[in-house]
PDB file of N, CA and C in Angstrom:
ATOM      1  N   MET A   1       4.831  17.676  -2.544  1.00  0.00           N
ATOM      2  CA  MET A   1       4.279  16.780  -1.546  1.00  0.00           C
ATOM      3  C   MET A   1       3.619  15.583  -2.205  1.00  0.00           C
ATOM      4  N   GLY A   2       3.103  15.712  -3.392  1.00  0.00           N
ATOM      5  CA  GLY A   2       2.430  14.615  -4.069  1.00  0.00           C
ATOM      6  C   GLY A   2       3.346  13.438  -4.324  1.00  0.00           C
ATOM      7  N   THR A   3       4.607  13.726  -4.672  1.00  0.00           N
ATOM      8  CA  THR A   3       5.555  12.653  -4.942  1.00  0.00           C
ATOM      9  C   THR A   3       5.815  11.840  -3.685  1.00  0.00           C
ATOM     10  N   ASP A   4       5.936  12.518  -2.556  1.00  0.00           N
ATOM     11  CA  ASP A   4       6.143  11.811  -1.290  1.00  0.00           C
ATOM     12  C   ASP A   4       4.967  10.893  -0.979  1.00  0.00           C
ATOM     13  N   ASP A   5       3.768  11.372  -1.220  1.00  0.00           N
ATOM     14  CA  ASP A   5       2.578  10.569  -0.954  1.00  0.00           C
ATOM     15  C   ASP A   5       2.531   9.348  -1.872  1.00  0.00           C
ATOM     16  N   LYS A   6       2.937   9.515  -3.114  1.00  0.00           N
ATOM     17  CA  LYS A   6       2.962   8.392  -4.050  1.00  0.00           C
ATOM     18  C   LYS A   6       3.992   7.351  -3.606  1.00  0.00           C
ATOM     19  N   LEU A   7       5.148   7.827  -3.154  1.00  0.00           N
ATOM     20  CA  LEU A   7       6.181   6.910  -2.678  1.00  0.00           C
ATOM     21  C   LEU A   7       5.726   6.182  -1.414  1.00  0.00           C
ATOM     22  N   ASP A   8       5.045   6.898  -0.529  1.00  0.00           N
ATOM     23  CA  ASP A   8       4.519   6.270   0.688  1.00  0.00           C
ATOM     24  C   ASP A   8       3.518   5.168   0.347  1.00  0.00           C
ATOM     25  N   ALA A   9       2.679   5.420  -0.639  1.00  0.00           N
ATOM     26  CA  ALA A   9       1.685   4.423  -1.045  1.00  0.00           C
ATOM     27  C   ALA A   9       2.377   3.181  -1.601  1.00  0.00           C
ATOM     28  N   LYS A  10       3.383   3.388  -2.444  1.00  0.00           N
ATOM     29  CA  LYS A  10       4.139   2.257  -3.000  1.00  0.00           C
ATOM     30  C   LYS A  10       4.872   1.504  -1.890  1.00  0.00           C
ATOM     31  N   ALA A  11       5.419   2.244  -0.921  1.00  0.00           N
ATOM     32  CA  ALA A  11       6.126   1.621   0.196  1.00  0.00           C
ATOM     33  C   ALA A  11       5.176   0.756   1.023  1.00  0.00           C
ATOM     34  N   ASP A  12       3.959   1.252   1.247  1.00  0.00           N
ATOM     35  CA  ASP A  12       2.965   0.465   1.988  1.00  0.00           C
ATOM     36  C   ASP A  12       2.626  -0.819   1.237  1.00  0.00           C
ATOM     37  N   GLN A  13       2.512  -0.715  -0.086  1.00  0.00           N
ATOM     38  CA  GLN A  13       2.209  -1.902  -0.885  1.00  0.00           C
ATOM     39  C   GLN A  13       3.340  -2.928  -0.780  1.00  0.00           C
ATOM     40  N   LEU A  14       4.577  -2.460  -0.891  1.00  0.00           N
ATOM     41  CA  LEU A  14       5.720  -3.355  -0.824  1.00  0.00           C
ATOM     42  C   LEU A  14       5.858  -3.971   0.562  1.00  0.00           C
ATOM     43  N   LYS A  15       5.714  -3.134   1.585  1.00  0.00           N
ATOM     44  CA  LYS A  15       5.802  -3.618   2.963  1.00  0.00           C
ATOM     45  C   LYS A  15       4.734  -4.673   3.215  1.00  0.00           C
ATOM     46  N   GLY A  16       3.540  -4.432   2.715  1.00  0.00           N
ATOM     47  CA  GLY A  16       2.446  -5.383   2.890  1.00  0.00           C
ATOM     48  C   GLY A  16       2.708  -6.689   2.182  1.00  0.00           C
ATOM     49  N   LYS A  17       3.282  -6.618   0.993  1.00  0.00           N
ATOM     50  CA  LYS A  17       3.594  -7.825   0.226  1.00  0.00           C
ATOM     51  C   LYS A  17       4.617  -8.677   0.983  1.00  0.00           C
ATOM     52  N   VAL A  18       5.619  -8.016   1.570  1.00  0.00           N
ATOM     53  CA  VAL A  18       6.637  -8.734   2.340  1.00  0.00           C
ATOM     54  C   VAL A  18       6.016  -9.364   3.577  1.00  0.00           C
ATOM     55  N   LYS A  19       5.217  -8.586   4.307  1.00  0.00           N
ATOM     56  CA  LYS A  19       4.567  -9.121   5.512  1.00  0.00           C
ATOM     57  C   LYS A  19       3.678 -10.310   5.176  1.00  0.00           C
ATOM     58  N   GLU A  20       2.927 -10.184   4.086  1.00  0.00           N
ATOM     59  CA  GLU A  20       2.044 -11.275   3.684  1.00  0.00           C
ATOM     60  C   GLU A  20       2.864 -12.531   3.362  1.00  0.00           C
ATOM     61  N   GLY A  21       3.963 -12.353   2.661  1.00  0.00           N
ATOM     62  CA  GLY A  21       4.812 -13.489   2.313  1.00  0.00           C
ATOM     63  C   GLY A  21       5.433 -14.150   3.528  1.00  0.00           C
ATOM     64  N   VAL A  22       5.931 -13.338   4.455  1.00  0.00           N
ATOM     65  CA  VAL A  22       6.521 -13.886   5.680  1.00  0.00           C
ATOM     66  C   VAL A  22       5.451 -14.576   6.509  1.00  0.00           C
ATOM     67  N   GLY A  23       4.284 -13.959   6.606  1.00  0.00           N
ATOM     68  CA  GLY A  23       3.187 -14.568   7.357  1.00  0.00           C
ATOM     69  C   GLY A  23       2.759 -15.893   6.759  1.00  0.00           C
ATOM     70  N   ASP A  24       2.742 -15.959   5.450  1.00  0.00           N
ATOM     71  CA  ASP A  24       2.377 -17.202   4.769  1.00  0.00           C
ATOM     72  C   ASP A  24       3.443 -18.266   5.004  1.00  0.00           C
ATOM     73  N   ALA A  25       4.714 -17.879   4.900  1.00  0.00           N
ATOM     74  CA  ALA A  25       5.819 -18.825   5.063  1.00  0.00           C
ATOM     75  C   ALA A  25       5.912 -19.360   6.489  1.00  0.00           C
ATOM     76  N   THR A  26       5.560 -18.532   7.461  1.00  0.00           N
ATOM     77  CA  THR A  26       5.664 -18.937   8.864  1.00  0.00           C
ATOM     78  C   THR A  26       4.324 -19.381   9.441  1.00  0.00           C
ATOM     79  N   ASP A  27       3.326 -19.417   8.600  1.00  0.00           N
ATOM     80  CA  ASP A  27       1.965 -19.792   9.008  1.00  0.00           C
ATOM     81  C   ASP A  27       1.428 -18.876  10.110  1.00  0.00           C
ATOM     82  N   ASP A  28       1.767 -17.587   9.993  1.00  0.00           N
ATOM     83  CA  ASP A  28       1.302 -16.567  10.931  1.00  0.00           C
ATOM     84  C   ASP A  28       0.171 -15.793  10.250  1.00  0.00           C
ATOM     85  N   LYS A  29      -1.059 -16.209  10.539  1.00  0.00           N
ATOM     86  CA  LYS A  29      -2.220 -15.602   9.871  1.00  0.00           C
ATOM     87  C   LYS A  29      -2.377 -14.124  10.225  1.00  0.00           C
ATOM     88  N   GLY A  30      -2.003 -13.745  11.435  1.00  0.00           N
ATOM     89  CA  GLY A  30      -2.101 -12.341  11.838  1.00  0.00           C
ATOM     90  C   GLY A  30      -1.189 -11.456  11.009  1.00  0.00           C
ATOM     91  N   LEU A  31       0.046 -11.896  10.801  1.00  0.00           N
ATOM     92  CA  LEU A  31       0.996 -11.131  10.002  1.00  0.00           C
ATOM     93  C   LEU A  31       0.567 -11.107   8.543  1.00  0.00           C
ATOM     94  N   GLU A  32       0.044 -12.219   8.076  1.00  0.00           N
ATOM     95  CA  GLU A  32      -0.442 -12.284   6.695  1.00  0.00           C
ATOM     96  C   GLU A  32      -1.591 -11.294   6.476  1.00  0.00           C
ATOM     97  N   THR A  33      -2.510 -11.244   7.414  1.00  0.00           N
ATOM     98  CA  THR A  33      -3.640 -10.325   7.342  1.00  0.00           C
ATOM     99  C   THR A  33      -3.172  -8.872   7.426  1.00  0.00           C
ATOM    100  N   GLU A  34      -2.211  -8.628   8.301  1.00  0.00           N
ATOM    101  CA  GLU A  34      -1.650  -7.281   8.438  1.00  0.00           C
ATOM    102  C   GLU A  34      -1.004  -6.841   7.121  1.00  0.00           C
ATOM    103  N   GLY A  35      -0.331  -7.762   6.465  1.00  0.00           N
ATOM    104  CA  GLY A  35       0.284  -7.467   5.179  1.00  0.00           C
ATOM    105  C   GLY A  35      -0.745  -7.119   4.128  1.00  0.00           C
ATOM    106  N   LYS A  36      -1.826  -7.870   4.102  1.00  0.00           N
ATOM    107  CA  LYS A  36      -2.894  -7.575   3.139  1.00  0.00           C
ATOM    108  C   LYS A  36      -3.499  -6.209   3.413  1.00  0.00           C
ATOM    109  N   ALA A  37      -3.657  -5.866   4.684  1.00  0.00           N
ATOM    110  CA  ALA A  37      -4.209  -4.560   5.055  1.00  0.00           C
ATOM    111  C   ALA A  37      -3.271  -3.433   4.619  1.00  0.00           C
ATOM    112  N   ASP A  38      -1.964  -3.637   4.789  1.00  0.00           N
ATOM    113  CA  ASP A  38      -0.997  -2.630   4.341  1.00  0.00           C
ATOM    114  C   ASP A  38      -1.076  -2.439   2.832  1.00  0.00           C
ATOM    115  N   GLN A  39      -1.258  -3.528   2.094  1.00  0.00           N
ATOM    116  CA  GLN A  39      -1.370  -3.431   0.643  1.00  0.00           C
ATOM    117  C   GLN A  39      -2.614  -2.634   0.246  1.00  0.00           C
ATOM    118  N   VAL A  40      -3.717  -2.892   0.922  1.00  0.00           N
ATOM    119  CA  VAL A  40      -4.951  -2.154   0.635  1.00  0.00           C
ATOM    120  C   VAL A  40      -4.750  -0.670   0.922  1.00  0.00           C
ATOM    121  N   LYS A  41      -4.100  -0.384   2.045  1.00  0.00           N
ATOM    122  CA  LYS A  41      -3.810   1.010   2.405  1.00  0.00           C
ATOM    123  C   LYS A  41      -2.991   1.681   1.307  1.00  0.00           C
ATOM    124  N   GLY A  42      -2.005   0.971   0.787  1.00  0.00           N
ATOM    125  CA  GLY A  42      -1.175   1.509  -0.288  1.00  0.00           C
ATOM    126  C   GLY A  42      -1.958   1.738  -1.563  1.00  0.00           C
ATOM    127  N   HIS A  43      -2.830   0.790  -1.906  1.00  0.00           N
ATOM    128  CA  HIS A  43      -3.641   0.936  -3.114  1.00  0.00           C
ATOM    129  C   HIS A  43      -4.614   2.109  -2.986  1.00  0.00           C
ATOM    130  N   LEU A  44      -5.195   2.276  -1.806  1.00  0.00           N
ATOM    131  CA  LEU A  44      -6.105   3.405  -1.589  1.00  0.00           C
ATOM    132  C   LEU A  44      -5.366   4.731  -1.675  1.00  0.00           C
ATOM    133  N   GLY A  45      -4.165   4.783  -1.115  1.00  0.00           N
ATOM    134  CA  GLY A  45      -3.370   5.999  -1.185  1.00  0.00           C
ATOM    135  C   GLY A  45      -2.994   6.336  -2.620  1.00  0.00           C
ATOM    136  N   GLU A  46      -2.677   5.305  -3.385  1.00  0.00           N
ATOM    137  CA  GLU A  46      -2.334   5.503  -4.791  1.00  0.00           C
ATOM    138  C   GLU A  46      -3.553   6.015  -5.571  1.00  0.00           C
ATOM    139  N   ALA A  47      -4.702   5.458  -5.285  1.00  0.00           N
ATOM    140  CA  ALA A  47      -5.929   5.897  -5.959  1.00  0.00           C
ATOM    141  C   ALA A  47      -6.241   7.354  -5.611  1.00  0.00           C
ATOM    142  N   ALA A  48      -6.045   7.714  -4.351  1.00  0.00           N
ATOM    143  CA  ALA A  48      -6.293   9.095  -3.932  1.00  0.00           C
ATOM    144  C   ALA A  48      -5.370  10.063  -4.673  1.00  0.00           C
ATOM    145  N   GLU A  49      -4.123   9.666  -4.852  1.00  0.00           N
ATOM    146  CA  GLU A  49      -3.178  10.511  -5.578  1.00  0.00           C
ATOM    147  C   GLU A  49      -3.580  10.655  -7.044  1.00  0.00           C
ATOM    148  N   LYS A  50      -4.099   9.602  -7.631  1.00  0.00           N
ATOM    149  CA  LYS A  50      -4.553   9.675  -9.020  1.00  0.00           C
ATOM    150  C   LYS A  50      -5.728  10.636  -9.152  1.00  0.00           C
ATOM    151  N   VAL A  51      -6.618  10.629  -8.175  1.00  0.00           N
ATOM    152  CA  VAL A  51      -7.762  11.550  -8.197  1.00  0.00           C
ATOM    153  C   VAL A  51      -7.260  12.980  -8.068  1.00  0.00           C
ATOM    154  N   LYS A  52      -6.317  13.212  -7.166  1.00  0.00           N
ATOM    155  CA  LYS A  52      -5.754  14.568  -7.005  1.00  0.00           C
ATOM    156  C   LYS A  52      -5.108  15.029  -8.300  1.00  0.00           C
ATOM    157  N   ASP A  53      -4.351  14.136  -8.938  1.00  0.00           N
ATOM    158  CA  ASP A  53      -3.697  14.480 -10.198  1.00  0.00           C
ATOM    159  C   ASP A  53      -4.721  14.827 -11.291  1.00  0.00           C
ATOM    160  N   ALA A  54      -5.818  14.087 -11.316  1.00  0.00           N
ATOM    161  CA  ALA A  54      -6.849  14.335 -12.321  1.00  0.00           C
ATOM    162  C   ALA A  54      -7.458  15.730 -12.146  1.00  0.00           C
ATOM    163  N   PHE A  55      -7.656  16.144 -10.901  1.00  0.00           N
ATOM    164  CA  PHE A  55      -8.216  17.467 -10.652  1.00  0.00           C
ATOM    165  C   PHE A  55      -7.213  18.577 -10.932  1.00  0.00           C
ATOM    166  N   LYS A  56      -5.933  18.307 -10.759  1.00  0.00           N
ATOM    167  CA  LYS A  56      -4.907  19.308 -11.038  1.00  0.00           C
ATOM    168  C   LYS A  56      -4.825  19.602 -12.523  1.00  0.00           C
ATOM    169  N   LYS A  57      -5.094  18.602 -13.358  1.00  0.00           N
ATOM    170  CA  LYS A  57      -5.023  18.777 -14.801  1.00  0.00           C
ATOM    171  C   LYS A  57      -6.146  19.642 -15.338  1.00  0.00           C
ATOM    172  N   ASN A  58      -7.271  19.689 -14.630  1.00  0.00           N
ATOM    173  CA  ASN A  58      -8.436  20.469 -15.101  1.00  0.00           C
ATOM    174  C   ASN A  58      -8.399  21.864 -14.648  1.00  0.00           C
TER     175      ASN A  58
END
């Protein structure tokens, strides 16, 4: 299950980057903000997985 969670986090980061880029290109501040939020969600998910991995090693 950990691998799926890591992939989901990366997918959120990528999806957010695309949304942010499209929002910037189309001058859609709402979409740009949504993209940034998706990226943050992905980074937080990735950090959570790193913490889980650290505890599994001990």
